[in-house]
Structure formats: structure tokens, C-alpha cells
Amino acid sequence: MEYAVVATGGKQYRVAPGMLLEIERLEGAVGDEIRLEQVLAVRKEAGFKVGQPALAGAAVKAQIVAQPRGEKVINFRYRRRKGFHRKVGHRQELTRLKILEIT
């Protein structure tokens, strides 16, 4: 089984060819192909390689499938008997990728 560990948006993801992945928003239009250069580890039939911290020359090619927004998260603060309440909402900008190949 072939897979790689990539870092993007301050997080690490384990990806394999053909997999759909939702990450924080990246620049590009739907249908564009991008390369994720920050590859931390790769496992192929030949063996397992780990970078220090990233592997030189390794990349993951992916295609942008969609640029959706995440679910709305509500943050409500309330202090009893003080007349204080505050409601704040947030929706994260996301990018949905289809992993094409690991090089």
C-alpha cells in the first residue's frame, strides 16, 4: 500500500492515491492541479522513507475538486446575573482535493 504524510495548513495528513481530502483553503480554481511539496514521509513497495523534517524531491500531485465552506460553528459566551452575552459565528474556508499520485 502506497501512502505519504504531508503537511499543509499547520496540520499533517496521511494521503493515498485516489483519496479525497478536505484541508484549509488553498489558492486555485476547481479543476487545477497542485503539488504539495511538504512531504514528511513516504511508503512505497521499495520501503519507508522519513524526512528530516521533509523529504527532498518528494511531492504529492492533487486536483482541486471543490472550494466549499465548512459548517457554521457558534461560540456563545454568557455570564450569569451580569447581563453579558455574546454570540459569534465562524465558517472555515476549505479546499477539497483528490490525490492523483505520489512522486
PDB file of N, CA and C in Angstrom:
ATOM      1  N   MET A   1       0.840  -1.184   0.000  1.00  0.00           N
ATOM      2  CA  MET A   1       0.000   0.000   0.000  1.00  0.00           C
ATOM      3  C   MET A   1       0.879   1.240   0.000  1.00  0.00           C
ATOM      4  N   GLU A   2       0.601   2.123  -0.919  1.00  0.00           N
ATOM      5  CA  GLU A   2       1.391   3.336  -1.088  1.00  0.00           C
ATOM      6  C   GLU A   2       0.681   4.505  -0.405  1.00  0.00           C
ATOM      7  N   TYR A   3       1.428   5.244   0.428  1.00  0.00           N
ATOM      8  CA  TYR A   3       0.863   6.437   1.058  1.00  0.00           C
ATOM      9  C   TYR A   3       1.974   7.411   1.393  1.00  0.00           C
ATOM     10  N   ALA A   4       1.569   8.642   1.745  1.00  0.00           N
ATOM     11  CA  ALA A   4       2.515   9.687   2.133  1.00  0.00           C
ATOM     12  C   ALA A   4       1.901  10.496   3.267  1.00  0.00           C
ATOM     13  N   VAL A   5       2.760  11.146   4.039  1.00  0.00           N
ATOM     14  CA  VAL A   5       2.326  12.065   5.085  1.00  0.00           C
ATOM     15  C   VAL A   5       2.738  13.465   4.630  1.00  0.00           C
ATOM     16  N   VAL A   6       1.743  14.343   4.459  1.00  0.00           N
ATOM     17  CA  VAL A   6       2.009  15.709   4.001  1.00  0.00           C
ATOM     18  C   VAL A   6       1.577  16.703   5.067  1.00  0.00           C
ATOM     19  N   ALA A   7       2.221  17.869   5.065  1.00  0.00           N
ATOM     20  CA  ALA A   7       1.875  18.950   5.994  1.00  0.00           C
ATOM     21  C   ALA A   7       1.361  20.129   5.174  1.00  0.00           C
ATOM     22  N   THR A   8       0.181  20.623   5.547  1.00  0.00           N
ATOM     23  CA  THR A   8      -0.385  21.810   4.914  1.00  0.00           C
ATOM     24  C   THR A   8      -1.372  22.444   5.879  1.00  0.00           C
ATOM     25  N   GLY A   9      -1.384  23.753   5.925  1.00  0.00           N
ATOM     26  CA  GLY A   9      -2.316  24.464   6.805  1.00  0.00           C
ATOM     27  C   GLY A   9      -2.041  24.223   8.277  1.00  0.00           C
ATOM     28  N   GLY A  10      -0.794  23.903   8.647  1.00  0.00           N
ATOM     29  CA  GLY A  10      -0.448  23.674  10.041  1.00  0.00           C
ATOM     30  C   GLY A  10      -0.868  22.309  10.561  1.00  0.00           C
ATOM     31  N   LYS A  11      -1.307  21.412   9.671  1.00  0.00           N
ATOM     32  CA  LYS A  11      -1.727  20.072  10.072  1.00  0.00           C
ATOM     33  C   LYS A  11      -1.021  19.035   9.201  1.00  0.00           C
ATOM     34  N   GLN A  12      -1.047  17.789   9.648  1.00  0.00           N
ATOM     35  CA  GLN A  12      -0.450  16.695   8.898  1.00  0.00           C
ATOM     36  C   GLN A  12      -1.547  15.715   8.488  1.00  0.00           C
ATOM     37  N   TYR A  13      -1.448  15.210   7.259  1.00  0.00           N
ATOM     38  CA  TYR A  13      -2.447  14.302   6.718  1.00  0.00           C
ATOM     39  C   TYR A  13      -1.757  13.099   6.091  1.00  0.00           C
ATOM     40  N   ARG A  14      -2.354  11.923   6.268  1.00  0.00           N
ATOM     41  CA  ARG A  14      -1.892  10.717   5.591  1.00  0.00           C
ATOM     42  C   ARG A  14      -2.738  10.565   4.338  1.00  0.00           C
ATOM     43  N   VAL A  15      -2.102  10.551   3.160  1.00  0.00           N
ATOM     44  CA  VAL A  15      -2.825  10.524   1.898  1.00  0.00           C
ATOM     45  C   VAL A  15      -2.370   9.342   1.053  1.00  0.00           C
ATOM     46  N   ALA A  16      -3.294   8.849   0.221  1.00  0.00           N
ATOM     47  CA  ALA A  16      -3.020   7.769  -0.711  1.00  0.00           C
ATOM     48  C   ALA A  16      -3.642   8.142  -2.057  1.00  0.00           C
ATOM     49  N   PRO A  17      -3.132   7.615  -3.169  1.00  0.00           N
ATOM     50  CA  PRO A  17      -3.710   7.932  -4.482  1.00  0.00           C
ATOM     51  C   PRO A  17      -5.186   7.546  -4.554  1.00  0.00           C
ATOM     52  N   GLY A  18      -5.996   8.435  -5.145  1.00  0.00           N
ATOM     53  CA  GLY A  18      -7.430   8.213  -5.278  1.00  0.00           C
ATOM     54  C   GLY A  18      -8.256   8.714  -4.110  1.00  0.00           C
ATOM     55  N   MET A  19      -7.606   9.169  -3.056  1.00  0.00           N
ATOM     56  CA  MET A  19      -8.289   9.602  -1.835  1.00  0.00           C
ATOM     57  C   MET A  19      -8.796  11.042  -1.974  1.00  0.00           C
ATOM     58  N   LEU A  20      -9.960  11.347  -1.357  1.00  0.00           N
ATOM     59  CA  LEU A  20     -10.463  12.716  -1.262  1.00  0.00           C
ATOM     60  C   LEU A  20     -10.063  13.283   0.090  1.00  0.00           C
ATOM     61  N   LEU A  21      -9.614  14.534   0.110  1.00  0.00           N
ATOM     62  CA  LEU A  21      -9.089  15.147   1.327  1.00  0.00           C
ATOM     63  C   LEU A  21      -9.624  16.567   1.433  1.00  0.00           C
ATOM     64  N   GLU A  22     -10.100  16.961   2.616  1.00  0.00           N
ATOM     65  CA  GLU A  22     -10.563  18.326   2.869  1.00  0.00           C
ATOM     66  C   GLU A  22      -9.558  19.021   3.764  1.00  0.00           C
ATOM     67  N   ILE A  23      -8.971  20.111   3.255  1.00  0.00           N
ATOM     68  CA  ILE A  23      -7.956  20.849   4.003  1.00  0.00           C
ATOM     69  C   ILE A  23      -8.333  22.321   4.019  1.00  0.00           C
ATOM     70  N   GLU A  24      -7.533  23.128   4.738  1.00  0.00           N
ATOM     71  CA  GLU A  24      -7.774  24.565   4.752  1.00  0.00           C
ATOM     72  C   GLU A  24      -7.525  25.148   3.371  1.00  0.00           C
ATOM     73  N   ARG A  25      -8.194  26.255   3.052  1.00  0.00           N
ATOM     74  CA  ARG A  25      -8.251  26.834   1.718  1.00  0.00           C
ATOM     75  C   ARG A  25      -6.867  27.051   1.111  1.00  0.00           C
ATOM     76  N   LEU A  26      -6.721  26.591  -0.148  1.00  0.00           N
ATOM     77  CA  LEU A  26      -5.533  26.833  -0.960  1.00  0.00           C
ATOM     78  C   LEU A  26      -5.942  27.653  -2.170  1.00  0.00           C
ATOM     79  N   GLU A  27      -5.006  28.417  -2.724  1.00  0.00           N
ATOM     80  CA  GLU A  27      -5.280  29.216  -3.919  1.00  0.00           C
ATOM     81  C   GLU A  27      -5.465  28.288  -5.116  1.00  0.00           C
ATOM     82  N   GLY A  28      -6.381  28.634  -5.992  1.00  0.00           N
ATOM     83  CA  GLY A  28      -6.592  27.874  -7.213  1.00  0.00           C
ATOM     84  C   GLY A  28      -8.067  27.721  -7.510  1.00  0.00           C
ATOM     85  N   ALA A  29      -8.352  27.364  -8.763  1.00  0.00           N
ATOM     86  CA  ALA A  29      -9.732  27.179  -9.207  1.00  0.00           C
ATOM     87  C   ALA A  29     -10.049  25.692  -9.259  1.00  0.00           C
ATOM     88  N   VAL A  30     -11.331  25.377  -9.321  1.00  0.00           N
ATOM     89  CA  VAL A  30     -11.767  23.992  -9.423  1.00  0.00           C
ATOM     90  C   VAL A  30     -11.228  23.406 -10.718  1.00  0.00           C
ATOM     91  N   GLY A  31     -10.598  22.243 -10.623  1.00  0.00           N
ATOM     92  CA  GLY A  31     -10.013  21.584 -11.787  1.00  0.00           C
ATOM     93  C   GLY A  31      -8.515  21.780 -11.900  1.00  0.00           C
ATOM     94  N   ASP A  32      -7.942  22.745 -11.183  1.00  0.00           N
ATOM     95  CA  ASP A  32      -6.495  22.972 -11.222  1.00  0.00           C
ATOM     96  C   ASP A  32      -5.755  21.831 -10.533  1.00  0.00           C
ATOM     97  N   GLU A  33      -4.553  21.539 -11.042  1.00  0.00           N
ATOM     98  CA  GLU A  33      -3.690  20.558 -10.389  1.00  0.00           C
ATOM     99  C   GLU A  33      -2.652  21.318  -9.573  1.00  0.00           C
ATOM    100  N   ILE A  34      -2.422  20.853  -8.354  1.00  0.00           N
ATOM    101  CA  ILE A  34      -1.434  21.480  -7.477  1.00  0.00           C
ATOM    102  C   ILE A  34      -0.465  20.420  -6.972  1.00  0.00           C
ATOM    103  N   ARG A  35       0.678  20.876  -6.477  1.00  0.00           N
ATOM    104  CA  ARG A  35       1.667  19.977  -5.886  1.00  0.00           C
ATOM    105  C   ARG A  35       1.861  20.357  -4.426  1.00  0.00           C
ATOM    106  N   LEU A  36       1.767  19.381  -3.550  1.00  0.00           N
ATOM    107  CA  LEU A  36       2.049  19.577  -2.134  1.00  0.00           C
ATOM    108  C   LEU A  36       3.502  19.175  -1.922  1.00  0.00           C
ATOM    109  N   GLU A  37       4.346  20.166  -1.646  1.00  0.00           N
ATOM    110  CA  GLU A  37       5.796  19.953  -1.592  1.00  0.00           C
ATOM    111  C   GLU A  37       6.284  19.490  -0.217  1.00  0.00           C
ATOM    112  N   GLN A  38       5.541  19.787   0.831  1.00  0.00           N
ATOM    113  CA  GLN A  38       5.976  19.474   2.192  1.00  0.00           C
ATOM    114  C   GLN A  38       5.586  18.026   2.527  1.00  0.00           C
ATOM    115  N   VAL A  39       6.386  17.068   2.044  1.00  0.00           N
ATOM    116  CA  VAL A  39       6.131  15.642   2.268  1.00  0.00           C
ATOM    117  C   VAL A  39       7.052  15.187   3.400  1.00  0.00           C
ATOM    118  N   LEU A  40       6.451  14.689   4.476  1.00  0.00           N
ATOM    119  CA  LEU A  40       7.227  14.303   5.657  1.00  0.00           C
ATOM    120  C   LEU A  40       7.675  12.853   5.624  1.00  0.00           C
ATOM    121  N   ALA A  41       6.869  11.970   5.008  1.00  0.00           N
ATOM    122  CA  ALA A  41       7.211  10.550   4.933  1.00  0.00           C
ATOM    123  C   ALA A  41       6.512   9.933   3.733  1.00  0.00           C
ATOM    124  N   VAL A  42       7.139   8.882   3.167  1.00  0.00           N
ATOM    125  CA  VAL A  42       6.568   8.175   2.029  1.00  0.00           C
ATOM    126  C   VAL A  42       6.760   6.682   2.238  1.00  0.00           C
ATOM    127  N   ARG A  43       5.673   5.917   1.954  1.00  0.00           N
ATOM    128  CA  ARG A  43       5.781   4.459   1.969  1.00  0.00           C
ATOM    129  C   ARG A  43       5.386   3.959   0.594  1.00  0.00           C
ATOM    130  N   LYS A  44       6.315   3.238  -0.044  1.00  0.00           N
ATOM    131  CA  LYS A  44       6.061   2.597  -1.328  1.00  0.00           C
ATOM    132  C   LYS A  44       6.485   1.143  -1.206  1.00  0.00           C
ATOM    133  N   GLU A  45       6.380   0.387  -2.326  1.00  0.00           N
ATOM    134  CA  GLU A  45       6.758  -1.019  -2.303  1.00  0.00           C
ATOM    135  C   GLU A  45       8.229  -1.194  -1.935  1.00  0.00           C
ATOM    136  N   ALA A  46       9.069  -0.227  -2.338  1.00  0.00           N
ATOM    137  CA  ALA A  46      10.505  -0.309  -2.076  1.00  0.00           C
ATOM    138  C   ALA A  46      10.842  -0.140  -0.595  1.00  0.00           C
ATOM    139  N   GLY A  47      10.013   0.553   0.170  1.00  0.00           N
ATOM    140  CA  GLY A  47      10.307   0.760   1.582  1.00  0.00           C
ATOM    141  C   GLY A  47       9.672   2.028   2.114  1.00  0.00           C
ATOM    142  N   PHE A  48      10.120   2.411   3.304  1.00  0.00           N
ATOM    143  CA  PHE A  48       9.573   3.560   4.017  1.00  0.00           C
ATOM    144  C   PHE A  48      10.673   4.590   4.185  1.00  0.00           C
ATOM    145  N   LYS A  49      10.410   5.846   3.790  1.00  0.00           N
ATOM    146  CA  LYS A  49      11.391   6.922   3.923  1.00  0.00           C
ATOM    147  C   LYS A  49      10.794   8.041   4.761  1.00  0.00           C
ATOM    148  N   VAL A  50      11.600   8.574   5.684  1.00  0.00           N
ATOM    149  CA  VAL A  50      11.181   9.671   6.553  1.00  0.00           C
ATOM    150  C   VAL A  50      12.147  10.824   6.349  1.00  0.00           C
ATOM    151  N   GLY A  51      11.594  12.040   6.229  1.00  0.00           N
ATOM    152  CA  GLY A  51      12.412  13.226   6.044  1.00  0.00           C
ATOM    153  C   GLY A  51      12.835  13.849   7.362  1.00  0.00           C
ATOM    154  N   GLN A  52      13.745  14.841   7.260  1.00  0.00           N
ATOM    155  CA  GLN A  52      14.243  15.500   8.455  1.00  0.00           C
ATOM    156  C   GLN A  52      14.184  17.021   8.286  1.00  0.00           C
ATOM    157  N   PRO A  53      13.078  17.713   8.345  1.00  0.00           N
ATOM    158  CA  PRO A  53      11.718  17.250   8.573  1.00  0.00           C
ATOM    159  C   PRO A  53      10.998  16.825   7.299  1.00  0.00           C
ATOM    160  N   ALA A  54      11.408  17.344   6.108  1.00  0.00           N
ATOM    161  CA  ALA A  54      10.710  16.995   4.869  1.00  0.00           C
ATOM    162  C   ALA A  54      11.658  16.248   3.934  1.00  0.00           C
ATOM    163  N   LEU A  55      11.087  15.429   3.058  1.00  0.00           N
ATOM    164  CA  LEU A  55      11.873  14.692   2.069  1.00  0.00           C
ATOM    165  C   LEU A  55      12.196  15.607   0.897  1.00  0.00           C
ATOM    166  N   ALA A  56      13.459  15.653   0.520  1.00  0.00           N
ATOM    167  CA  ALA A  56      13.871  16.466  -0.621  1.00  0.00           C
ATOM    168  C   ALA A  56      13.454  15.766  -1.909  1.00  0.00           C
ATOM    169  N   GLY A  57      12.815  16.500  -2.808  1.00  0.00           N
ATOM    170  CA  GLY A  57      12.426  15.955  -4.096  1.00  0.00           C
ATOM    171  C   GLY A  57      11.105  15.201  -4.101  1.00  0.00           C
ATOM    172  N   ALA A  58      10.483  15.019  -2.968  1.00  0.00           N
ATOM    173  CA  ALA A  58       9.200  14.309  -2.901  1.00  0.00           C
ATOM    174  C   ALA A  58       8.061  15.311  -3.015  1.00  0.00           C
ATOM    175  N   ALA A  59       6.976  14.889  -3.662  1.00  0.00           N
ATOM    176  CA  ALA A  59       5.803  15.751  -3.813  1.00  0.00           C
ATOM    177  C   ALA A  59       4.571  14.879  -4.005  1.00  0.00           C
ATOM    178  N   VAL A  60       3.420  15.475  -3.706  1.00  0.00           N
ATOM    179  CA  VAL A  60       2.138  14.815  -3.924  1.00  0.00           C
ATOM    180  C   VAL A  60       1.360  15.675  -4.909  1.00  0.00           C
ATOM    181  N   LYS A  61       0.912  15.058  -6.012  1.00  0.00           N
ATOM    182  CA  LYS A  61       0.134  15.783  -7.013  1.00  0.00           C
ATOM    183  C   LYS A  61      -1.341  15.558  -6.716  1.00  0.00           C
ATOM    184  N   ALA A  62      -2.108  16.663  -6.709  1.00  0.00           N
ATOM    185  CA  ALA A  62      -3.532  16.596  -6.386  1.00  0.00           C
ATOM    186  C   ALA A  62      -4.310  17.533  -7.295  1.00  0.00           C
ATOM    187  N   GLN A  63      -5.615  17.276  -7.399  1.00  0.00           N
ATOM    188  CA  GLN A  63      -6.506  18.106  -8.203  1.00  0.00           C
ATOM    189  C   GLN A  63      -7.563  18.711  -7.299  1.00  0.00           C
ATOM    190  N   ILE A  64      -7.845  20.008  -7.489  1.00  0.00           N
ATOM    191  CA  ILE A  64      -8.875  20.680  -6.696  1.00  0.00           C
ATOM    192  C   ILE A  64     -10.245  20.267  -7.229  1.00  0.00           C
ATOM    193  N   VAL A  65     -11.051  19.655  -6.352  1.00  0.00           N
ATOM    194  CA  VAL A  65     -12.380  19.187  -6.727  1.00  0.00           C
ATOM    195  C   VAL A  65     -13.432  20.247  -6.401  1.00  0.00           C
ATOM    196  N   ALA A  66     -13.281  20.928  -5.253  1.00  0.00           N
ATOM    197  CA  ALA A  66     -14.254  21.937  -4.832  1.00  0.00           C
ATOM    198  C   ALA A  66     -13.589  22.911  -3.867  1.00  0.00           C
ATOM    199  N   GLN A  67     -14.211  24.074  -3.702  1.00  0.00           N
ATOM    200  CA  GLN A  67     -13.757  25.089  -2.743  1.00  0.00           C
ATOM    201  C   GLN A  67     -14.934  25.422  -1.819  1.00  0.00           C
ATOM    202  N   PRO A  68     -15.361  24.481  -0.958  1.00  0.00           N
ATOM    203  CA  PRO A  68     -16.548  24.728  -0.122  1.00  0.00           C
ATOM    204  C   PRO A  68     -16.210  25.516   1.144  1.00  0.00           C
ATOM    205  N   ARG A  69     -17.253  25.795   1.914  1.00  0.00           N
ATOM    206  CA  ARG A  69     -17.096  26.361   3.252  1.00  0.00           C
ATOM    207  C   ARG A  69     -17.576  25.311   4.238  1.00  0.00           C
ATOM    208  N   GLY A  70     -16.932  25.253   5.391  1.00  0.00           N
ATOM    209  CA  GLY A  70     -17.292  24.273   6.403  1.00  0.00           C
ATOM    210  C   GLY A  70     -18.595  24.632   7.105  1.00  0.00           C
ATOM    211  N   GLU A  71     -18.997  23.763   8.021  1.00  0.00           N
ATOM    212  CA  GLU A  71     -20.208  24.019   8.799  1.00  0.00           C
ATOM    213  C   GLU A  71     -20.008  25.222   9.708  1.00  0.00           C
ATOM    214  N   LYS A  72     -21.107  25.900  10.017  1.00  0.00           N
ATOM    215  CA  LYS A  72     -21.028  27.064  10.889  1.00  0.00           C
ATOM    216  C   LYS A  72     -20.817  26.621  12.334  1.00  0.00           C
ATOM    217  N   VAL A  73     -19.866  27.246  12.990  1.00  0.00           N
ATOM    218  CA  VAL A  73     -19.569  26.980  14.395  1.00  0.00           C
ATOM    219  C   VAL A  73     -20.011  28.198  15.192  1.00  0.00           C
ATOM    220  N   ILE A  74     -20.816  27.986  16.214  1.00  0.00           N
ATOM    221  CA  ILE A  74     -21.331  29.074  17.035  1.00  0.00           C
ATOM    222  C   ILE A  74     -20.578  29.088  18.363  1.00  0.00           C
ATOM    223  N   ASN A  75     -20.076  30.268  18.731  1.00  0.00           N
ATOM    224  CA  ASN A  75     -19.428  30.467  20.021  1.00  0.00           C
ATOM    225  C   ASN A  75     -20.310  31.434  20.813  1.00  0.00           C
ATOM    226  N   PHE A  76     -20.892  30.966  21.898  1.00  0.00           N
ATOM    227  CA  PHE A  76     -21.785  31.788  22.702  1.00  0.00           C
ATOM    228  C   PHE A  76     -21.195  31.940  24.096  1.00  0.00           C
ATOM    229  N   ARG A  77     -20.974  33.183  24.508  1.00  0.00           N
ATOM    230  CA  ARG A  77     -20.454  33.466  25.855  1.00  0.00           C
ATOM    231  C   ARG A  77     -21.558  34.121  26.671  1.00  0.00           C
ATOM    232  N   TYR A  78     -21.628  33.748  27.946  1.00  0.00           N
ATOM    233  CA  TYR A  78     -22.696  34.237  28.815  1.00  0.00           C
ATOM    234  C   TYR A  78     -22.180  34.281  30.237  1.00  0.00           C
ATOM    235  N   ARG A  79     -22.424  35.390  30.925  1.00  0.00           N
ATOM    236  CA  ARG A  79     -22.089  35.484  32.347  1.00  0.00           C
ATOM    237  C   ARG A  79     -23.381  35.699  33.105  1.00  0.00           C
ATOM    238  N   ARG A  80     -23.699  34.796  33.957  1.00  0.00           N
ATOM    239  CA  ARG A  80     -24.983  34.876  34.655  1.00  0.00           C
ATOM    240  C   ARG A  80     -25.047  36.086  35.578  1.00  0.00           C
ATOM    241  N   ARG A  81     -26.223  36.635  35.668  1.00  0.00           N
ATOM    242  CA  ARG A  81     -26.545  37.764  36.537  1.00  0.00           C
ATOM    243  C   ARG A  81     -25.786  39.042  36.180  1.00  0.00           C
ATOM    244  N   LYS A  82     -25.095  39.111  35.080  1.00  0.00           N
ATOM    245  CA  LYS A  82     -24.329  40.307  34.711  1.00  0.00           C
ATOM    246  C   LYS A  82     -24.898  41.009  33.478  1.00  0.00           C
ATOM    247  N   GLY A  83     -25.858  40.402  32.827  1.00  0.00           N
ATOM    248  CA  GLY A  83     -26.414  41.000  31.625  1.00  0.00           C
ATOM    249  C   GLY A  83     -25.468  40.919  30.442  1.00  0.00           C
ATOM    250  N   PHE A  84     -24.498  39.998  30.478  1.00  0.00           N
ATOM    251  CA  PHE A  84     -23.499  39.873  29.419  1.00  0.00           C
ATOM    252  C   PHE A  84     -23.754  38.617  28.602  1.00  0.00           C
ATOM    253  N   HIS A  85     -23.865  38.776  27.309  1.00  0.00           N
ATOM    254  CA  HIS A  85     -23.862  37.638  26.410  1.00  0.00           C
ATOM    255  C   HIS A  85     -23.326  38.094  25.063  1.00  0.00           C
ATOM    256  N   ARG A  86     -22.613  37.167  24.387  1.00  0.00           N
ATOM    257  CA  ARG A  86     -22.039  37.468  23.081  1.00  0.00           C
ATOM    258  C   ARG A  86     -22.105  36.218  22.221  1.00  0.00           C
ATOM    259  N   LYS A  87     -22.569  36.385  21.021  1.00  0.00           N
ATOM    260  CA  LYS A  87     -22.695  35.265  20.088  1.00  0.00           C
ATOM    261  C   LYS A  87     -21.864  35.571  18.840  1.00  0.00           C
ATOM    262  N   VAL A  88     -20.941  34.677  18.512  1.00  0.00           N
ATOM    263  CA  VAL A  88     -20.064  34.848  17.362  1.00  0.00           C
ATOM    264  C   VAL A  88     -20.125  33.569  16.530  1.00  0.00           C
ATOM    265  N   GLY A  89     -20.234  33.704  15.220  1.00  0.00           N
ATOM    266  CA  GLY A  89     -20.241  32.551  14.326  1.00  0.00           C
ATOM    267  C   GLY A  89     -19.027  32.570  13.422  1.00  0.00           C
ATOM    268  N   HIS A  90     -18.648  31.382  12.922  1.00  0.00           N
ATOM    269  CA  HIS A  90     -17.486  31.257  12.044  1.00  0.00           C
ATOM    270  C   HIS A  90     -17.691  30.102  11.081  1.00  0.00           C
ATOM    271  N   ARG A  91     -17.313  30.305   9.814  1.00  0.00           N
ATOM    272  CA  ARG A  91     -17.304  29.222   8.827  1.00  0.00           C
ATOM    273  C   ARG A  91     -15.926  29.167   8.207  1.00  0.00           C
ATOM    274  N   GLN A  92     -15.287  28.006   8.272  1.00  0.00           N
ATOM    275  CA  GLN A  92     -13.935  27.835   7.752  1.00  0.00           C
ATOM    276  C   GLN A  92     -13.962  27.664   6.238  1.00  0.00           C
ATOM    277  N   GLU A  93     -13.060  28.340   5.548  1.00  0.00           N
ATOM    278  CA  GLU A  93     -12.897  28.170   4.106  1.00  0.00           C
ATOM    279  C   GLU A  93     -12.085  26.890   3.875  1.00  0.00           C
ATOM    280  N   LEU A  94     -12.573  25.996   3.010  1.00  0.00           N
ATOM    281  CA  LEU A  94     -11.950  24.698   2.792  1.00  0.00           C
ATOM    282  C   LEU A  94     -11.632  24.473   1.320  1.00  0.00           C
ATOM    283  N   THR A  95     -10.746  23.509   1.062  1.00  0.00           N
ATOM    284  CA  THR A  95     -10.448  23.037  -0.280  1.00  0.00           C
ATOM    285  C   THR A  95     -10.556  21.517  -0.256  1.00  0.00           C
ATOM    286  N   ARG A  96     -11.307  20.956  -1.206  1.00  0.00           N
ATOM    287  CA  ARG A  96     -11.431  19.503  -1.320  1.00  0.00           C
ATOM    288  C   ARG A  96     -10.514  19.043  -2.452  1.00  0.00           C
ATOM    289  N   LEU A  97      -9.568  18.157  -2.125  1.00  0.00           N
ATOM    290  CA  LEU A  97      -8.584  17.670  -3.095  1.00  0.00           C
ATOM    291  C   LEU A  97      -8.795  16.203  -3.390  1.00  0.00           C
ATOM    292  N   LYS A  98      -8.463  15.804  -4.627  1.00  0.00           N
ATOM    293  CA  LYS A  98      -8.374  14.396  -4.991  1.00  0.00           C
ATOM    294  C   LYS A  98      -6.898  14.118  -5.243  1.00  0.00           C
ATOM    295  N   ILE A  99      -6.333  13.168  -4.501  1.00  0.00           N
ATOM    296  CA  ILE A  99      -4.917  12.848  -4.619  1.00  0.00           C
ATOM    297  C   ILE A  99      -4.709  12.012  -5.882  1.00  0.00           C
ATOM    298  N   LEU A 100      -3.812  12.480  -6.763  1.00  0.00           N
ATOM    299  CA  LEU A 100      -3.571  11.806  -8.030  1.00  0.00           C
ATOM    300  C   LEU A 100      -2.383  10.849  -7.937  1.00  0.00           C
ATOM    301  N   GLU A 101      -1.244  11.342  -7.477  1.00  0.00           N
ATOM    302  CA  GLU A 101      -0.074  10.465  -7.386  1.00  0.00           C
ATOM    303  C   GLU A 101       0.943  11.001  -6.390  1.00  0.00           C
ATOM    304  N   ILE A 102       1.821  10.097  -5.958  1.00  0.00           N
ATOM    305  CA  ILE A 102       2.903  10.426  -5.032  1.00  0.00           C
ATOM    306  C   ILE A 102       4.211  10.221  -5.792  1.00  0.00           C
ATOM    307  N   THR A 103       5.036  11.278  -5.849  1.00  0.00           N
ATOM    308  CA  THR A 103       6.310  11.174  -6.577  1.00  0.00           C
ATOM    309  C   THR A 103       7.479  11.430  -5.654  1.00  0.00           C
TER     310      THR A 103
END
